[in-house]
Amino acid sequence: MNVILLALANQVFYSLPLIVSVSLVYAATRHEEMTPILAHALRFGAWIVSFMLALGVFLWWLGKGL
């Protein structure tokens, strides 16, 4: 069980830089000044994390039912 948890933690660790970079690039395509870019990137990053958590909970729920 501990090996599975470590593998999942490793996958989550690699998703964090991806979320940050995608959020910053997406926000930079919409704005030119640094303050709006950072604000938009923070909101978009939070949206991505929320969506990933909701999808993870849904998939966990589906797995529990089977």
N, C-alpha and C. Protein backbone atom coordinates (compact mmCIF):
# COMPACT_ATOMS: atom_id res chain seq x y z
N MET A 1 0.83 -1.20 0.00
CA MET A 1 0.00 0.00 0.00
C MET A 1 0.86 1.26 0.00
N ASN A 2 1.97 1.24 0.75
CA ASN A 2 2.84 2.41 0.80
C ASN A 2 3.48 2.70 -0.54
N VAL A 3 3.78 1.66 -1.32
CA VAL A 3 4.38 1.85 -2.63
C VAL A 3 3.39 2.55 -3.56
N ILE A 4 2.12 2.20 -3.46
CA ILE A 4 1.10 2.83 -4.29
C ILE A 4 0.97 4.30 -3.92
N LEU A 5 0.99 4.62 -2.65
CA LEU A 5 0.90 6.02 -2.22
C LEU A 5 2.10 6.82 -2.69
N LEU A 6 3.28 6.23 -2.64
CA LEU A 6 4.47 6.93 -3.12
C LEU A 6 4.40 7.16 -4.63
N ALA A 7 3.87 6.21 -5.36
CA ALA A 7 3.72 6.38 -6.81
C ALA A 7 2.73 7.49 -7.12
N LEU A 8 1.64 7.56 -6.38
CA LEU A 8 0.66 8.63 -6.59
C LEU A 8 1.23 9.99 -6.22
N ALA A 9 2.01 10.05 -5.15
CA ALA A 9 2.63 11.31 -4.75
C ALA A 9 3.62 11.76 -5.82
N ASN A 10 4.31 10.83 -6.44
CA ASN A 10 5.24 11.16 -7.49
C ASN A 10 4.51 11.76 -8.69
N GLN A 11 3.36 11.21 -9.05
CA GLN A 11 2.59 11.75 -10.16
C GLN A 11 2.07 13.14 -9.85
N VAL A 12 1.63 13.37 -8.64
CA VAL A 12 1.14 14.69 -8.24
C VAL A 12 2.28 15.70 -8.26
N PHE A 13 3.47 15.26 -7.85
CA PHE A 13 4.63 16.14 -7.85
C PHE A 13 4.93 16.65 -9.26
N TYR A 14 4.80 15.80 -10.25
CA TYR A 14 5.06 16.21 -11.64
C TYR A 14 3.94 17.06 -12.22
N SER A 15 2.76 17.00 -11.67
CA SER A 15 1.67 17.81 -12.20
C SER A 15 1.76 19.27 -11.75
N LEU A 16 2.40 19.54 -10.63
CA LEU A 16 2.47 20.92 -10.13
C LEU A 16 3.22 21.86 -11.08
N PRO A 17 4.43 21.53 -11.56
CA PRO A 17 5.08 22.45 -12.51
C PRO A 17 4.29 22.60 -13.81
N LEU A 18 3.61 21.55 -14.22
CA LEU A 18 2.80 21.62 -15.43
C LEU A 18 1.64 22.58 -15.25
N ILE A 19 0.98 22.52 -14.11
CA ILE A 19 -0.14 23.43 -13.84
C ILE A 19 0.34 24.87 -13.79
N VAL A 20 1.47 25.11 -13.13
CA VAL A 20 2.00 26.47 -13.03
C VAL A 20 2.37 27.01 -14.41
N SER A 21 3.06 26.22 -15.20
CA SER A 21 3.49 26.71 -16.52
C SER A 21 2.30 26.93 -17.46
N VAL A 22 1.35 26.02 -17.47
CA VAL A 22 0.17 26.19 -18.33
C VAL A 22 -0.63 27.42 -17.90
N SER A 23 -0.78 27.62 -16.61
CA SER A 23 -1.53 28.78 -16.12
C SER A 23 -0.85 30.09 -16.51
N LEU A 24 0.46 30.14 -16.35
CA LEU A 24 1.18 31.36 -16.69
C LEU A 24 1.16 31.65 -18.19
N VAL A 25 1.34 30.64 -19.00
CA VAL A 25 1.33 30.86 -20.46
C VAL A 25 -0.07 31.26 -20.92
N TYR A 26 -1.09 30.59 -20.41
CA TYR A 26 -2.46 30.94 -20.80
C TYR A 26 -2.79 32.37 -20.39
N ALA A 27 -2.41 32.75 -19.18
CA ALA A 27 -2.69 34.11 -18.71
C ALA A 27 -1.89 35.14 -19.50
N ALA A 28 -0.67 34.80 -19.88
CA ALA A 28 0.16 35.74 -20.62
C ALA A 28 -0.36 35.97 -22.04
N THR A 29 -1.12 35.02 -22.57
CA THR A 29 -1.71 35.24 -23.89
C THR A 29 -2.91 36.17 -23.82
N ARG A 30 -3.44 36.38 -22.62
CA ARG A 30 -4.62 37.23 -22.47
C ARG A 30 -4.28 38.66 -22.00
N HIS A 31 -3.15 38.83 -21.30
CA HIS A 31 -2.80 40.13 -20.71
C HIS A 31 -1.37 40.49 -21.07
N GLU A 32 -1.03 41.77 -20.89
CA GLU A 32 0.33 42.23 -21.19
C GLU A 32 1.09 42.66 -19.94
N GLU A 33 0.40 43.09 -18.91
CA GLU A 33 1.07 43.55 -17.68
C GLU A 33 1.16 42.40 -16.68
N MET A 34 2.17 42.50 -15.80
CA MET A 34 2.48 41.39 -14.90
C MET A 34 1.39 41.15 -13.85
N THR A 35 0.82 42.19 -13.30
CA THR A 35 -0.19 42.02 -12.24
C THR A 35 -1.42 41.26 -12.74
N PRO A 36 -2.01 41.66 -13.88
CA PRO A 36 -3.15 40.87 -14.37
C PRO A 36 -2.77 39.45 -14.79
N ILE A 37 -1.54 39.27 -15.29
CA ILE A 37 -1.09 37.93 -15.66
C ILE A 37 -1.06 37.03 -14.44
N LEU A 38 -0.48 37.51 -13.35
CA LEU A 38 -0.38 36.69 -12.14
C LEU A 38 -1.75 36.41 -11.52
N ALA A 39 -2.63 37.43 -11.54
CA ALA A 39 -3.97 37.23 -10.99
C ALA A 39 -4.76 36.20 -11.81
N HIS A 40 -4.67 36.32 -13.13
CA HIS A 40 -5.38 35.37 -14.00
C HIS A 40 -4.77 33.98 -13.88
N ALA A 41 -3.45 33.89 -13.78
CA ALA A 41 -2.79 32.59 -13.65
C ALA A 41 -3.19 31.92 -12.34
N LEU A 42 -3.31 32.67 -11.28
CA LEU A 42 -3.73 32.11 -9.99
C LEU A 42 -5.15 31.57 -10.06
N ARG A 43 -6.05 32.33 -10.67
CA ARG A 43 -7.43 31.86 -10.81
C ARG A 43 -7.51 30.63 -11.72
N PHE A 44 -6.79 30.67 -12.82
CA PHE A 44 -6.84 29.55 -13.76
C PHE A 44 -6.19 28.30 -13.15
N GLY A 45 -5.11 28.49 -12.42
CA GLY A 45 -4.47 27.36 -11.73
C GLY A 45 -5.39 26.74 -10.70
N ALA A 46 -6.11 27.58 -9.97
CA ALA A 46 -7.06 27.06 -8.99
C ALA A 46 -8.18 26.29 -9.69
N TRP A 47 -8.61 26.77 -10.85
CA TRP A 47 -9.64 26.08 -11.62
C TRP A 47 -9.14 24.72 -12.07
N ILE A 48 -7.91 24.65 -12.56
CA ILE A 48 -7.34 23.37 -13.01
C ILE A 48 -7.25 22.38 -11.84
N VAL A 49 -6.75 22.84 -10.70
CA VAL A 49 -6.62 21.96 -9.53
C VAL A 49 -8.00 21.49 -9.07
N SER A 50 -8.97 22.38 -9.05
CA SER A 50 -10.34 21.99 -8.66
C SER A 50 -10.91 20.95 -9.62
N PHE A 51 -10.70 21.15 -10.91
CA PHE A 51 -11.20 20.20 -11.89
C PHE A 51 -10.51 18.85 -11.73
N MET A 52 -9.20 18.85 -11.50
CA MET A 52 -8.47 17.60 -11.32
C MET A 52 -8.94 16.87 -10.06
N LEU A 53 -9.18 17.61 -8.99
CA LEU A 53 -9.68 16.99 -7.76
C LEU A 53 -11.07 16.41 -7.95
N ALA A 54 -11.94 17.16 -8.61
CA ALA A 54 -13.30 16.66 -8.86
C ALA A 54 -13.26 15.41 -9.73
N LEU A 55 -12.43 15.41 -10.75
CA LEU A 55 -12.31 14.25 -11.61
C LEU A 55 -11.71 13.06 -10.85
N GLY A 56 -10.73 13.33 -10.00
CA GLY A 56 -10.14 12.27 -9.19
C GLY A 56 -11.13 11.66 -8.23
N VAL A 57 -11.93 12.48 -7.59
CA VAL A 57 -12.95 11.98 -6.67
C VAL A 57 -14.00 11.16 -7.43
N PHE A 58 -14.38 11.63 -8.60
CA PHE A 58 -15.35 10.90 -9.41
C PHE A 58 -14.80 9.54 -9.83
N LEU A 59 -13.55 9.50 -10.26
CA LEU A 59 -12.94 8.23 -10.66
C LEU A 59 -12.76 7.31 -9.46
N TRP A 60 -12.42 7.87 -8.31
CA TRP A 60 -12.31 7.06 -7.09
C TRP A 60 -13.68 6.46 -6.74
N TRP A 61 -14.71 7.26 -6.86
CA TRP A 61 -16.06 6.80 -6.57
C TRP A 61 -16.48 5.68 -7.52
N LEU A 62 -16.13 5.84 -8.81
CA LEU A 62 -16.44 4.78 -9.78
C LEU A 62 -15.69 3.50 -9.44
N GLY A 63 -14.45 3.63 -9.02
CA GLY A 63 -13.65 2.46 -8.66
C GLY A 63 -14.17 1.76 -7.42
N LYS A 64 -14.68 2.51 -6.47
CA LYS A 64 -15.24 1.91 -5.26
C LYS A 64 -16.49 1.11 -5.57
N GLY A 65 -17.26 1.54 -6.57
CA GLY A 65 -18.51 0.88 -6.91
C GLY A 65 -18.30 -0.43 -7.65
N LEU A 66 -17.17 -0.57 -8.28
CA LEU A 66 -16.94 -1.79 -9.07
C LEU A 66 -16.39 -2.81 -8.17
